[in-house]
PDB file of N, CA and C in Angstrom:
ATOM      1  N   MET A   1      15.870   6.552  -1.409  1.00  0.00           N
ATOM      2  CA  MET A   1      14.694   5.935  -0.830  1.00  0.00           C
ATOM      3  C   MET A   1      13.760   6.976  -0.212  1.00  0.00           C
ATOM      4  N   ASN A   2      14.260   8.152   0.120  1.00  0.00           N
ATOM      5  CA  ASN A   2      13.414   9.161   0.751  1.00  0.00           C
ATOM      6  C   ASN A   2      12.359   9.724  -0.190  1.00  0.00           C
ATOM      7  N   ASN A   3      12.503   9.483  -1.495  1.00  0.00           N
ATOM      8  CA  ASN A   3      11.524   9.978  -2.453  1.00  0.00           C
ATOM      9  C   ASN A   3      10.427   8.962  -2.733  1.00  0.00           C
ATOM     10  N   TYR A   4      10.381   7.912  -1.927  1.00  0.00           N
ATOM     11  CA  TYR A   4       9.394   6.858  -2.111  1.00  0.00           C
ATOM     12  C   TYR A   4       8.691   6.569  -0.797  1.00  0.00           C
ATOM     13  N   ALA A   5       7.402   6.312  -0.912  1.00  0.00           N
ATOM     14  CA  ALA A   5       6.633   5.867   0.241  1.00  0.00           C
ATOM     15  C   ALA A   5       6.560   4.350   0.156  1.00  0.00           C
ATOM     16  N   ILE A   6       7.037   3.678   1.197  1.00  0.00           N
ATOM     17  CA  ILE A   6       7.033   2.213   1.225  1.00  0.00           C
ATOM     18  C   ILE A   6       6.099   1.777   2.343  1.00  0.00           C
ATOM     19  N   VAL A   7       5.123   0.954   1.949  1.00  0.00           N
ATOM     20  CA  VAL A   7       4.129   0.450   2.897  1.00  0.00           C
ATOM     21  C   VAL A   7       4.122  -1.062   2.788  1.00  0.00           C
ATOM     22  N   VAL A   8       4.330  -1.742   3.914  1.00  0.00           N
ATOM     23  CA  VAL A   8       4.317  -3.202   3.960  1.00  0.00           C
ATOM     24  C   VAL A   8       3.177  -3.636   4.855  1.00  0.00           C
ATOM     25  N   VAL A   9       2.377  -4.594   4.339  1.00  0.00           N
ATOM     26  CA  VAL A   9       1.261  -5.130   5.118  1.00  0.00           C
ATOM     27  C   VAL A   9       1.376  -6.640   5.204  1.00  0.00           C
ATOM     28  N   ASP A  10       0.766  -7.194   6.250  1.00  0.00           N
ATOM     29  CA  ASP A  10       0.705  -8.649   6.349  1.00  0.00           C
ATOM     30  C   ASP A  10      -0.453  -9.153   5.492  1.00  0.00           C
ATOM     31  N   ASN A  11      -0.728 -10.461   5.549  1.00  0.00           N
ATOM     32  CA  ASN A  11      -1.744 -11.024   4.665  1.00  0.00           C
ATOM     33  C   ASN A  11      -3.180 -10.696   5.087  1.00  0.00           C
ATOM     34  N   THR A  12      -3.337  -9.928   6.159  1.00  0.00           N
ATOM     35  CA  THR A  12      -4.665  -9.450   6.538  1.00  0.00           C
ATOM     36  C   THR A  12      -4.869  -7.996   6.132  1.00  0.00           C
ATOM     37  N   GLY A  13      -3.816  -7.370   5.600  1.00  0.00           N
ATOM     38  CA  GLY A  13      -3.899  -5.966   5.221  1.00  0.00           C
ATOM     39  C   GLY A  13      -3.577  -5.014   6.349  1.00  0.00           C
ATOM     40  N   THR A  14      -2.949  -5.531   7.402  1.00  0.00           N
ATOM     41  CA  THR A  14      -2.541  -4.702   8.533  1.00  0.00           C
ATOM     42  C   THR A  14      -1.138  -4.161   8.278  1.00  0.00           C
ATOM     43  N   ILE A  15      -0.978  -2.882   8.417  1.00  0.00           N
ATOM     44  CA  ILE A  15       0.291  -2.219   8.142  1.00  0.00           C
ATOM     45  C   ILE A  15       1.350  -2.656   9.160  1.00  0.00           C
ATOM     46  N   GLN A  16       2.477  -3.131   8.636  1.00  0.00           N
ATOM     47  CA  GLN A  16       3.592  -3.589   9.458  1.00  0.00           C
ATOM     48  C   GLN A  16       4.797  -2.660   9.368  1.00  0.00           C
ATOM     49  N   LEU A  17       4.951  -1.985   8.224  1.00  0.00           N
ATOM     50  CA  LEU A  17       6.065  -1.066   8.019  1.00  0.00           C
ATOM     51  C   LEU A  17       5.544   0.147   7.275  1.00  0.00           C
ATOM     52  N   TRP A  18       5.976   1.307   7.728  1.00  0.00           N
ATOM     53  CA  TRP A  18       5.530   2.592   7.183  1.00  0.00           C
ATOM     54  C   TRP A  18       6.761   3.473   7.134  1.00  0.00           C
ATOM     55  N   SER A  19       7.289   3.714   5.941  1.00  0.00           N
ATOM     56  CA  SER A  19       8.558   4.429   5.805  1.00  0.00           C
ATOM     57  C   SER A  19       8.401   5.925   6.065  1.00  0.00           C
ATOM     58  N   ALA A  20       9.547   6.585   6.191  1.00  0.00           N
ATOM     59  CA  ALA A  20       9.541   8.044   6.335  1.00  0.00           C
ATOM     60  C   ALA A  20       8.883   8.696   5.120  1.00  0.00           C
ATOM     61  N   GLY A  21       9.090   8.121   3.937  1.00  0.00           N
ATOM     62  CA  GLY A  21       8.436   8.637   2.744  1.00  0.00           C
ATOM     63  C   GLY A  21       6.921   8.490   2.819  1.00  0.00           C
ATOM     64  N   ALA A  22       6.441   7.397   3.410  1.00  0.00           N
ATOM     65  CA  ALA A  22       4.996   7.216   3.598  1.00  0.00           C
ATOM     66  C   ALA A  22       4.458   8.270   4.561  1.00  0.00           C
ATOM     67  N   GLU A  23       5.238   8.602   5.571  1.00  0.00           N
ATOM     68  CA  GLU A  23       4.825   9.674   6.478  1.00  0.00           C
ATOM     69  C   GLU A  23       4.644  10.967   5.703  1.00  0.00           C
ATOM     70  N   ARG A  24       5.592  11.275   4.828  1.00  0.00           N
ATOM     71  CA  ARG A  24       5.515  12.512   4.044  1.00  0.00           C
ATOM     72  C   ARG A  24       4.360  12.484   3.059  1.00  0.00           C
ATOM     73  N   LEU A  25       4.160  11.357   2.389  1.00  0.00           N
ATOM     74  CA  LEU A  25       3.127  11.274   1.363  1.00  0.00           C
ATOM     75  C   LEU A  25       1.724  11.290   1.956  1.00  0.00           C
ATOM     76  N   PHE A  26       1.493  10.458   2.960  1.00  0.00           N
ATOM     77  CA  PHE A  26       0.139  10.263   3.460  1.00  0.00           C
ATOM     78  C   PHE A  26      -0.214  11.126   4.666  1.00  0.00           C
ATOM     79  N   GLY A  27       0.805  11.679   5.323  1.00  0.00           N
ATOM     80  CA  GLY A  27       0.534  12.582   6.434  1.00  0.00           C
ATOM     81  C   GLY A  27       0.278  11.903   7.766  1.00  0.00           C
ATOM     82  N   PHE A  28       0.604  10.616   7.884  1.00  0.00           N
ATOM     83  CA  PHE A  28       0.488   9.890   9.146  1.00  0.00           C
ATOM     84  C   PHE A  28       1.874   9.431   9.566  1.00  0.00           C
ATOM     85  N   THR A  29       2.167   9.488  10.844  1.00  0.00           N
ATOM     86  CA  THR A  29       3.438   8.978  11.328  1.00  0.00           C
ATOM     87  C   THR A  29       3.400   7.453  11.329  1.00  0.00           C
ATOM     88  N   ALA A  30       4.572   6.839  11.403  1.00  0.00           N
ATOM     89  CA  ALA A  30       4.634   5.384  11.498  1.00  0.00           C
ATOM     90  C   ALA A  30       3.888   4.911  12.735  1.00  0.00           C
ATOM     91  N   GLN A  31       4.008   5.645  13.820  1.00  0.00           N
ATOM     92  CA  GLN A  31       3.321   5.272  15.055  1.00  0.00           C
ATOM     93  C   GLN A  31       1.797   5.262  14.861  1.00  0.00           C
ATOM     94  N   GLN A  32       1.288   6.198  14.066  1.00  0.00           N
ATOM     95  CA  GLN A  32      -0.144   6.245  13.791  1.00  0.00           C
ATOM     96  C   GLN A  32      -0.579   5.157  12.814  1.00  0.00           C
ATOM     97  N   ALA A  33       0.294   4.778  11.883  1.00  0.00           N
ATOM     98  CA  ALA A  33      -0.088   3.870  10.797  1.00  0.00           C
ATOM     99  C   ALA A  33       0.102   2.393  11.123  1.00  0.00           C
ATOM    100  N   VAL A  34       1.231   2.033  11.739  1.00  0.00           N
ATOM    101  CA  VAL A  34       1.516   0.622  11.996  1.00  0.00           C
ATOM    102  C   VAL A  34       0.445   0.059  12.933  1.00  0.00           C
ATOM    103  N   GLY A  35      -0.109  -1.070  12.508  1.00  0.00           N
ATOM    104  CA  GLY A  35      -1.185  -1.707  13.268  1.00  0.00           C
ATOM    105  C   GLY A  35      -2.565  -1.386  12.727  1.00  0.00           C
ATOM    106  N   GLN A  36      -2.652  -0.365  11.857  1.00  0.00           N
ATOM    107  CA  GLN A  36      -3.920  -0.022  11.208  1.00  0.00           C
ATOM    108  C   GLN A  36      -4.058  -0.843   9.920  1.00  0.00           C
ATOM    109  N   THR A  37      -5.274  -0.925   9.400  1.00  0.00           N
ATOM    110  CA  THR A  37      -5.456  -1.585   8.111  1.00  0.00           C
ATOM    111  C   THR A  37      -5.230  -0.565   6.992  1.00  0.00           C
ATOM    112  N   LEU A  38      -5.219  -1.063   5.782  1.00  0.00           N
ATOM    113  CA  LEU A  38      -5.040  -0.196   4.623  1.00  0.00           C
ATOM    114  C   LEU A  38      -6.200   0.767   4.420  1.00  0.00           C
ATOM    115  N   ASP A  39      -7.278   0.604   5.174  1.00  0.00           N
ATOM    116  CA  ASP A  39      -8.358   1.593   5.114  1.00  0.00           C
ATOM    117  C   ASP A  39      -7.839   2.983   5.459  1.00  0.00           C
ATOM    118  N   LEU A  40      -6.700   3.059   6.122  1.00  0.00           N
ATOM    119  CA  LEU A  40      -6.090   4.337   6.445  1.00  0.00           C
ATOM    120  C   LEU A  40      -5.809   5.157   5.186  1.00  0.00           C
ATOM    121  N   ILE A  41      -5.428   4.484   4.101  1.00  0.00           N
ATOM    122  CA  ILE A  41      -5.071   5.210   2.881  1.00  0.00           C
ATOM    123  C   ILE A  41      -5.974   4.895   1.691  1.00  0.00           C
ATOM    124  N   VAL A  42      -6.792   3.845   1.791  1.00  0.00           N
ATOM    125  CA  VAL A  42      -7.706   3.514   0.696  1.00  0.00           C
ATOM    126  C   VAL A  42      -8.977   4.338   0.869  1.00  0.00           C
ATOM    127  N   PRO A  43      -9.323   5.155  -0.117  1.00  0.00           N
ATOM    128  CA  PRO A  43     -10.534   5.976  -0.010  1.00  0.00           C
ATOM    129  C   PRO A  43     -11.786   5.105   0.136  1.00  0.00           C
ATOM    130  N   PRO A  44     -12.768   5.562   0.889  1.00  0.00           N
ATOM    131  CA  PRO A  44     -13.977   4.774   1.133  1.00  0.00           C
ATOM    132  C   PRO A  44     -14.642   4.230  -0.131  1.00  0.00           C
ATOM    133  N   ASP A  45     -14.688   5.006  -1.196  1.00  0.00           N
ATOM    134  CA  ASP A  45     -15.349   4.551  -2.426  1.00  0.00           C
ATOM    135  C   ASP A  45     -14.615   3.405  -3.108  1.00  0.00           C
ATOM    136  N   TYR A  46     -13.373   3.149  -2.732  1.00  0.00           N
ATOM    137  CA  TYR A  46     -12.568   2.111  -3.365  1.00  0.00           C
ATOM    138  C   TYR A  46     -12.346   0.901  -2.450  1.00  0.00           C
ATOM    139  N   ARG A  47     -12.802   0.962  -1.239  1.00  0.00           N
ATOM    140  CA  ARG A  47     -12.472  -0.094  -0.268  1.00  0.00           C
ATOM    141  C   ARG A  47     -13.009  -1.464  -0.633  1.00  0.00           C
ATOM    142  N   GLU A  48     -14.258  -1.545  -1.056  1.00  0.00           N
ATOM    143  CA  GLU A  48     -14.813  -2.866  -1.380  1.00  0.00           C
ATOM    144  C   GLU A  48     -14.004  -3.542  -2.485  1.00  0.00           C
ATOM    145  N   ALA A  49     -13.730  -2.814  -3.558  1.00  0.00           N
ATOM    146  CA  ALA A  49     -12.931  -3.376  -4.658  1.00  0.00           C
ATOM    147  C   ALA A  49     -11.522  -3.709  -4.177  1.00  0.00           C
ATOM    148  N   HIS A  50     -10.941  -2.830  -3.373  1.00  0.00           N
ATOM    149  CA  HIS A  50      -9.594  -3.079  -2.856  1.00  0.00           C
ATOM    150  C   HIS A  50      -9.548  -4.375  -2.050  1.00  0.00           C
ATOM    151  N   TRP A  51     -10.452  -4.519  -1.082  1.00  0.00           N
ATOM    152  CA  TRP A  51     -10.418  -5.693  -0.219  1.00  0.00           C
ATOM    153  C   TRP A  51     -10.749  -6.972  -0.985  1.00  0.00           C
ATOM    154  N   ASN A  52     -11.651  -6.898  -1.959  1.00  0.00           N
ATOM    155  CA  ASN A  52     -11.928  -8.083  -2.781  1.00  0.00           C
ATOM    156  C   ASN A  52     -10.676  -8.511  -3.529  1.00  0.00           C
ATOM    157  N   GLY A  53      -9.980  -7.556  -4.136  1.00  0.00           N
ATOM    158  CA  GLY A  53      -8.747  -7.861  -4.851  1.00  0.00           C
ATOM    159  C   GLY A  53      -7.632  -8.312  -3.928  1.00  0.00           C
ATOM    160  N   PHE A  54      -7.507  -7.652  -2.785  1.00  0.00           N
ATOM    161  CA  PHE A  54      -6.449  -7.998  -1.831  1.00  0.00           C
ATOM    162  C   PHE A  54      -6.633  -9.427  -1.321  1.00  0.00           C
ATOM    163  N   ARG A  55      -7.835  -9.753  -0.891  1.00  0.00           N
ATOM    164  CA  ARG A  55      -8.089 -11.105  -0.363  1.00  0.00           C
ATOM    165  C   ARG A  55      -7.888 -12.167  -1.446  1.00  0.00           C
ATOM    166  N   ALA A  56      -8.317 -11.871  -2.663  1.00  0.00           N
ATOM    167  CA  ALA A  56      -8.114 -12.814  -3.767  1.00  0.00           C
ATOM    168  C   ALA A  56      -6.622 -13.031  -4.026  1.00  0.00           C
ATOM    169  N   ALA A  57      -5.828 -11.962  -3.990  1.00  0.00           N
ATOM    170  CA  ALA A  57      -4.384 -12.079  -4.213  1.00  0.00           C
ATOM    171  C   ALA A  57      -3.725 -12.903  -3.107  1.00  0.00           C
ATOM    172  N   MET A  58      -4.137 -12.679  -1.878  1.00  0.00           N
ATOM    173  CA  MET A  58      -3.551 -13.440  -0.769  1.00  0.00           C
ATOM    174  C   MET A  58      -3.892 -14.924  -0.889  1.00  0.00           C
ATOM    175  N   LYS A  59      -5.114 -15.221  -1.298  1.00  0.00           N
ATOM    176  CA  LYS A  59      -5.558 -16.614  -1.421  1.00  0.00           C
ATOM    177  C   LYS A  59      -4.909 -17.314  -2.613  1.00  0.00           C
ATOM    178  N   ALA A  60      -4.834 -16.618  -3.751  1.00  0.00           N
ATOM    179  CA  ALA A  60      -4.331 -17.223  -4.986  1.00  0.00           C
ATOM    180  C   ALA A  60      -2.818 -17.114  -5.145  1.00  0.00           C
ATOM    181  N   SER A  61      -2.171 -16.324  -4.287  1.00  0.00           N
ATOM    182  CA  SER A  61      -0.731 -16.049  -4.427  1.00  0.00           C
ATOM    183  C   SER A  61      -0.421 -15.398  -5.769  1.00  0.00           C
ATOM    184  N   PHE A  62      -1.349 -14.587  -6.236  1.00  0.00           N
ATOM    185  CA  PHE A  62      -1.203 -13.926  -7.529  1.00  0.00           C
ATOM    186  C   PHE A  62      -1.952 -12.601  -7.495  1.00  0.00           C
ATOM    187  N   ALA A  63      -1.319 -11.564  -8.028  1.00  0.00           N
ATOM    188  CA  ALA A  63      -1.983 -10.274  -8.182  1.00  0.00           C
ATOM    189  C   ALA A  63      -1.747  -9.806  -9.612  1.00  0.00           C
ATOM    190  N   GLN A  64      -2.820  -9.514 -10.319  1.00  0.00           N
ATOM    191  CA  GLN A  64      -2.718  -9.113 -11.714  1.00  0.00           C
ATOM    192  C   GLN A  64      -1.800  -7.906 -11.891  1.00  0.00           C
ATOM    193  N   LEU A  65      -1.808  -6.994 -10.921  1.00  0.00           N
ATOM    194  CA  LEU A  65      -0.999  -5.776 -11.026  1.00  0.00           C
ATOM    195  C   LEU A  65       0.414  -5.936 -10.457  1.00  0.00           C
ATOM    196  N   GLU A  66       0.755  -7.119  -9.985  1.00  0.00           N
ATOM    197  CA  GLU A  66       2.064  -7.276  -9.340  1.00  0.00           C
ATOM    198  C   GLU A  66       3.191  -6.872 -10.283  1.00  0.00           C
ATOM    199  N   ASN A  67       4.064  -6.026  -9.761  1.00  0.00           N
ATOM    200  CA  ASN A  67       5.249  -5.532 -10.462  1.00  0.00           C
ATOM    201  C   ASN A  67       4.926  -4.736 -11.723  1.00  0.00           C
ATOM    202  N   GLN A  68       3.698  -4.267 -11.852  1.00  0.00           N
ATOM    203  CA  GLN A  68       3.286  -3.426 -12.970  1.00  0.00           C
ATOM    204  C   GLN A  68       2.996  -2.028 -12.436  1.00  0.00           C
ATOM    205  N   PRO A  69       3.664  -0.999 -12.927  1.00  0.00           N
ATOM    206  CA  PRO A  69       3.376   0.352 -12.453  1.00  0.00           C
ATOM    207  C   PRO A  69       1.911   0.714 -12.709  1.00  0.00           C
ATOM    208  N   PHE A  70       1.312   1.400 -11.756  1.00  0.00           N
ATOM    209  CA  PHE A  70      -0.077   1.808 -11.884  1.00  0.00           C
ATOM    210  C   PHE A  70      -0.311   3.065 -11.061  1.00  0.00           C
ATOM    211  N   ASP A  71      -1.385   3.758 -11.370  1.00  0.00           N
ATOM    212  CA  ASP A  71      -1.820   4.893 -10.563  1.00  0.00           C
ATOM    213  C   ASP A  71      -2.922   4.394  -9.643  1.00  0.00           C
ATOM    214  N   LEU A  72      -2.756   4.639  -8.371  1.00  0.00           N
ATOM    215  CA  LEU A  72      -3.687   4.155  -7.361  1.00  0.00           C
ATOM    216  C   LEU A  72      -4.300   5.350  -6.648  1.00  0.00           C
ATOM    217  N   PRO A  73      -5.633   5.406  -6.583  1.00  0.00           N
ATOM    218  CA  PRO A  73      -6.240   6.487  -5.814  1.00  0.00           C
ATOM    219  C   PRO A  73      -6.029   6.232  -4.319  1.00  0.00           C
ATOM    220  N   VAL A  74      -5.464   7.202  -3.640  1.00  0.00           N
ATOM    221  CA  VAL A  74      -5.202   7.073  -2.208  1.00  0.00           C
ATOM    222  C   VAL A  74      -5.666   8.327  -1.480  1.00  0.00           C
ATOM    223  N   ASN A  75      -5.826   8.185  -0.176  1.00  0.00           N
ATOM    224  CA  ASN A  75      -6.060   9.358   0.658  1.00  0.00           C
ATOM    225  C   ASN A  75      -4.720  10.056   0.803  1.00  0.00           C
ATOM    226  N   PHE A  76      -4.594  11.174   0.147  1.00  0.00           N
ATOM    227  CA  PHE A  76      -3.355  11.953   0.138  1.00  0.00           C
ATOM    228  C   PHE A  76      -3.612  13.213   0.940  1.00  0.00           C
ATOM    229  N   ARG A  77      -3.215  13.170   2.195  1.00  0.00           N
ATOM    230  CA  ARG A  77      -3.379  14.321   3.076  1.00  0.00           C
ATOM    231  C   ARG A  77      -4.809  14.867   3.048  1.00  0.00           C
ATOM    232  N   GLY A  78      -5.767  13.934   3.100  1.00  0.00           N
ATOM    233  CA  GLY A  78      -7.168  14.324   3.202  1.00  0.00           C
ATOM    234  C   GLY A  78      -7.917  14.450   1.897  1.00  0.00           C
ATOM    235  N   THR A  79      -7.243  14.275   0.758  1.00  0.00           N
ATOM    236  CA  THR A  79      -7.931  14.304  -0.529  1.00  0.00           C
ATOM    237  C   THR A  79      -7.614  13.022  -1.293  1.00  0.00           C
ATOM    238  N   VAL A  80      -8.522  12.619  -2.159  1.00  0.00           N
ATOM    239  CA  VAL A  80      -8.286  11.437  -2.984  1.00  0.00           C
ATOM    240  C   VAL A  80      -7.460  11.862  -4.188  1.00  0.00           C
ATOM    241  N   THR A  81      -6.279  11.262  -4.309  1.00  0.00           N
ATOM    242  CA  THR A  81      -5.324  11.628  -5.350  1.00  0.00           C
ATOM    243  C   THR A  81      -4.717  10.365  -5.945  1.00  0.00           C
ATOM    244  N   PRO A  82      -4.588  10.281  -7.277  1.00  0.00           N
ATOM    245  CA  PRO A  82      -3.882   9.137  -7.855  1.00  0.00           C
ATOM    246  C   PRO A  82      -2.378   9.297  -7.640  1.00  0.00           C
ATOM    247  N   VAL A  83      -1.755   8.231  -7.179  1.00  0.00           N
ATOM    248  CA  VAL A  83      -0.318   8.229  -6.916  1.00  0.00           C
ATOM    249  C   VAL A  83       0.292   7.044  -7.666  1.00  0.00           C
ATOM    250  N   ALA A  84       1.422   7.264  -8.331  1.00  0.00           N
ATOM    251  CA  ALA A  84       2.109   6.194  -9.057  1.00  0.00           C
ATOM    252  C   ALA A  84       2.722   5.214  -8.071  1.00  0.00           C
ATOM    253  N   GLY A  85       2.492   3.927  -8.323  1.00  0.00           N
ATOM    254  CA  GLY A  85       3.034   2.926  -7.420  1.00  0.00           C
ATOM    255  C   GLY A  85       3.245   1.595  -8.105  1.00  0.00           C
ATOM    256  N   VAL A  86       3.799   0.681  -7.352  1.00  0.00           N
ATOM    257  CA  VAL A  86       3.978  -0.696  -7.803  1.00  0.00           C
ATOM    258  C   VAL A  86       3.744  -1.601  -6.592  1.00  0.00           C
ATOM    259  N   LEU A  87       3.094  -2.726  -6.844  1.00  0.00           N
ATOM    260  CA  LEU A  87       2.751  -3.687  -5.799  1.00  0.00           C
ATOM    261  C   LEU A  87       3.584  -4.945  -5.968  1.00  0.00           C
ATOM    262  N   THR A  88       4.106  -5.451  -4.865  1.00  0.00           N
ATOM    263  CA  THR A  88       4.837  -6.712  -4.872  1.00  0.00           C
ATOM    264  C   THR A  88       4.285  -7.588  -3.762  1.00  0.00           C
ATOM    265  N   LEU A  89       3.933  -8.821  -4.097  1.00  0.00           N
ATOM    266  CA  LEU A  89       3.530  -9.767  -3.062  1.00  0.00           C
ATOM    267  C   LEU A  89       4.784 -10.275  -2.377  1.00  0.00           C
ATOM    268  N   MET A  90       4.713 -10.415  -1.080  1.00  0.00           N
ATOM    269  CA  MET A  90       5.851 -10.910  -0.306  1.00  0.00           C
ATOM    270  C   MET A  90       5.604 -12.376   0.018  1.00  0.00           C
ATOM    271  N   ARG A  91       6.641 -13.197  -0.189  1.00  0.00           N
ATOM    272  CA  ARG A  91       6.503 -14.637  -0.009  1.00  0.00           C
ATOM    273  C   ARG A  91       7.570 -15.166   0.954  1.00  0.00           C
ATOM    274  N   ASP A  92       7.200 -16.246   1.644  1.00  0.00           N
ATOM    275  CA  ASP A  92       8.171 -16.921   2.501  1.00  0.00           C
ATOM    276  C   ASP A  92       9.003 -17.878   1.641  1.00  0.00           C
ATOM    277  N   PRO A  93       9.989 -18.573   2.222  1.00  0.00           N
ATOM    278  CA  PRO A  93      10.829 -19.466   1.420  1.00  0.00           C
ATOM    279  C   PRO A  93      10.070 -20.589   0.711  1.00  0.00           C
ATOM    280  N   LYS A  94       8.866 -20.915   1.199  1.00  0.00           N
ATOM    281  CA  LYS A  94       8.058 -21.947   0.539  1.00  0.00           C
ATOM    282  C   LYS A  94       7.107 -21.341  -0.494  1.00  0.00           C
ATOM    283  N   LYS A  95       7.277 -20.040  -0.759  1.00  0.00           N
ATOM    284  CA  LYS A  95       6.505 -19.285  -1.743  1.00  0.00           C
ATOM    285  C   LYS A  95       5.059 -19.026  -1.325  1.00  0.00           C
ATOM    286  N   ASN A  96       4.775 -19.167  -0.033  1.00  0.00           N
ATOM    287  CA  ASN A  96       3.467 -18.794   0.489  1.00  0.00           C
ATOM    288  C   ASN A  96       3.422 -17.279   0.627  1.00  0.00           C
ATOM    289  N   VAL A  97       2.332 -16.670   0.181  1.00  0.00           N
ATOM    290  CA  VAL A  97       2.203 -15.224   0.299  1.00  0.00           C
ATOM    291  C   VAL A  97       1.955 -14.863   1.760  1.00  0.00           C
ATOM    292  N   ILE A  98       2.789 -13.964   2.265  1.00  0.00           N
ATOM    293  CA  ILE A  98       2.674 -13.542   3.664  1.00  0.00           C
ATOM    294  C   ILE A  98       2.280 -12.082   3.797  1.00  0.00           C
ATOM    295  N   GLY A  99       2.198 -11.384   2.669  1.00  0.00           N
ATOM    296  CA  GLY A  99       1.828  -9.984   2.717  1.00  0.00           C
ATOM    297  C   GLY A  99       2.135  -9.308   1.398  1.00  0.00           C
ATOM    298  N   ALA A 100       2.136  -7.993   1.437  1.00  0.00           N
ATOM    299  CA  ALA A 100       2.378  -7.213   0.225  1.00  0.00           C
ATOM    300  C   ALA A 100       3.131  -5.942   0.566  1.00  0.00           C
ATOM    301  N   MET A 101       3.829  -5.433  -0.448  1.00  0.00           N
ATOM    302  CA  MET A 101       4.542  -4.165  -0.290  1.00  0.00           C
ATOM    303  C   MET A 101       4.155  -3.260  -1.433  1.00  0.00           C
ATOM    304  N   GLY A 102       3.807  -2.044  -1.096  1.00  0.00           N
ATOM    305  CA  GLY A 102       3.554  -1.014  -2.091  1.00  0.00           C
ATOM    306  C   GLY A 102       4.651   0.019  -2.018  1.00  0.00           C
ATOM    307  N   VAL A 103       5.164   0.406  -3.183  1.00  0.00           N
ATOM    308  CA  VAL A 103       6.163   1.464  -3.272  1.00  0.00           C
ATOM    309  C   VAL A 103       5.550   2.556  -4.134  1.00  0.00           C
ATOM    310  N   PHE A 104       5.426   3.733  -3.569  1.00  0.00           N
ATOM    311  CA  PHE A 104       4.758   4.849  -4.237  1.00  0.00           C
ATOM    312  C   PHE A 104       5.742   6.002  -4.419  1.00  0.00           C
ATOM    313  N   THR A 105       5.637   6.684  -5.554  1.00  0.00           N
ATOM    314  CA  THR A 105       6.445   7.859  -5.825  1.00  0.00           C
ATOM    315  C   THR A 105       5.777   9.054  -5.169  1.00  0.00           C
ATOM    316  N   ILE A 106       6.552   9.818  -4.451  1.00  0.00           N
ATOM    317  CA  ILE A 106       6.019  11.019  -3.804  1.00  0.00           C
ATOM    318  C   ILE A 106       5.952  12.128  -4.848  1.00  0.00           C
ATOM    319  N   PRO A 107       4.748  12.658  -5.103  1.00  0.00           N
ATOM    320  CA  PRO A 107       4.658  13.768  -6.063  1.00  0.00           C
ATOM    321  C   PRO A 107       5.536  14.932  -5.631  1.00  0.00           C
ATOM    322  N   ILE A 108       6.064  15.666  -6.588  1.00  0.00           N
ATOM    323  CA  ILE A 108       6.955  16.789  -6.296  1.00  0.00           C
ATOM    324  C   ILE A 108       6.297  17.752  -5.332  1.00  0.00           C
ATOM    325  N   SER A 109       5.005  18.006  -5.502  1.00  0.00           N
ATOM    326  CA  SER A 109       4.310  18.937  -4.599  1.00  0.00           C
ATOM    327  C   SER A 109       4.192  18.378  -3.187  1.00  0.00           C
ATOM    328  N   GLY A 110       4.370  17.019  -3.035  1.00  0.00           N
ATOM    329  CA  GLY A 110       4.284  16.412  -1.714  1.00  0.00           C
ATOM    330  C   GLY A 110       5.638  16.246  -1.057  1.00  0.00           C
ATOM    331  N   ALA A 111       6.703  16.686  -1.732  1.00  0.00           N
ATOM    332  CA  ALA A 111       8.056  16.479  -1.192  1.00  0.00           C
ATOM    333  C   ALA A 111       8.388  17.485  -0.130  1.00  0.00           C
TER     334      ALA A 111
END
């Protein structure tokens, strides 16, 4: 698990869990990240599209990219870098979407 950055957000996009791998990948401690929005790692040029997609996924309980590997541009230690990841919507027992989890592979140079 240490070779993966795991980020969990609630349905507003507020970071609730920030793994040790996320600390290594993104350069922020859990203390700095938890309670912040995903704007912490989403580059400014991608934020509008990100939030439109995020809000639509939360409302529809569906994300086109869910469980599909993809490269996502993120703020990687101050630069915009594509990072391999997978998105999973998190649901309660009644299948209501309560948030999302991203699992990202830490590039070898970021290890």
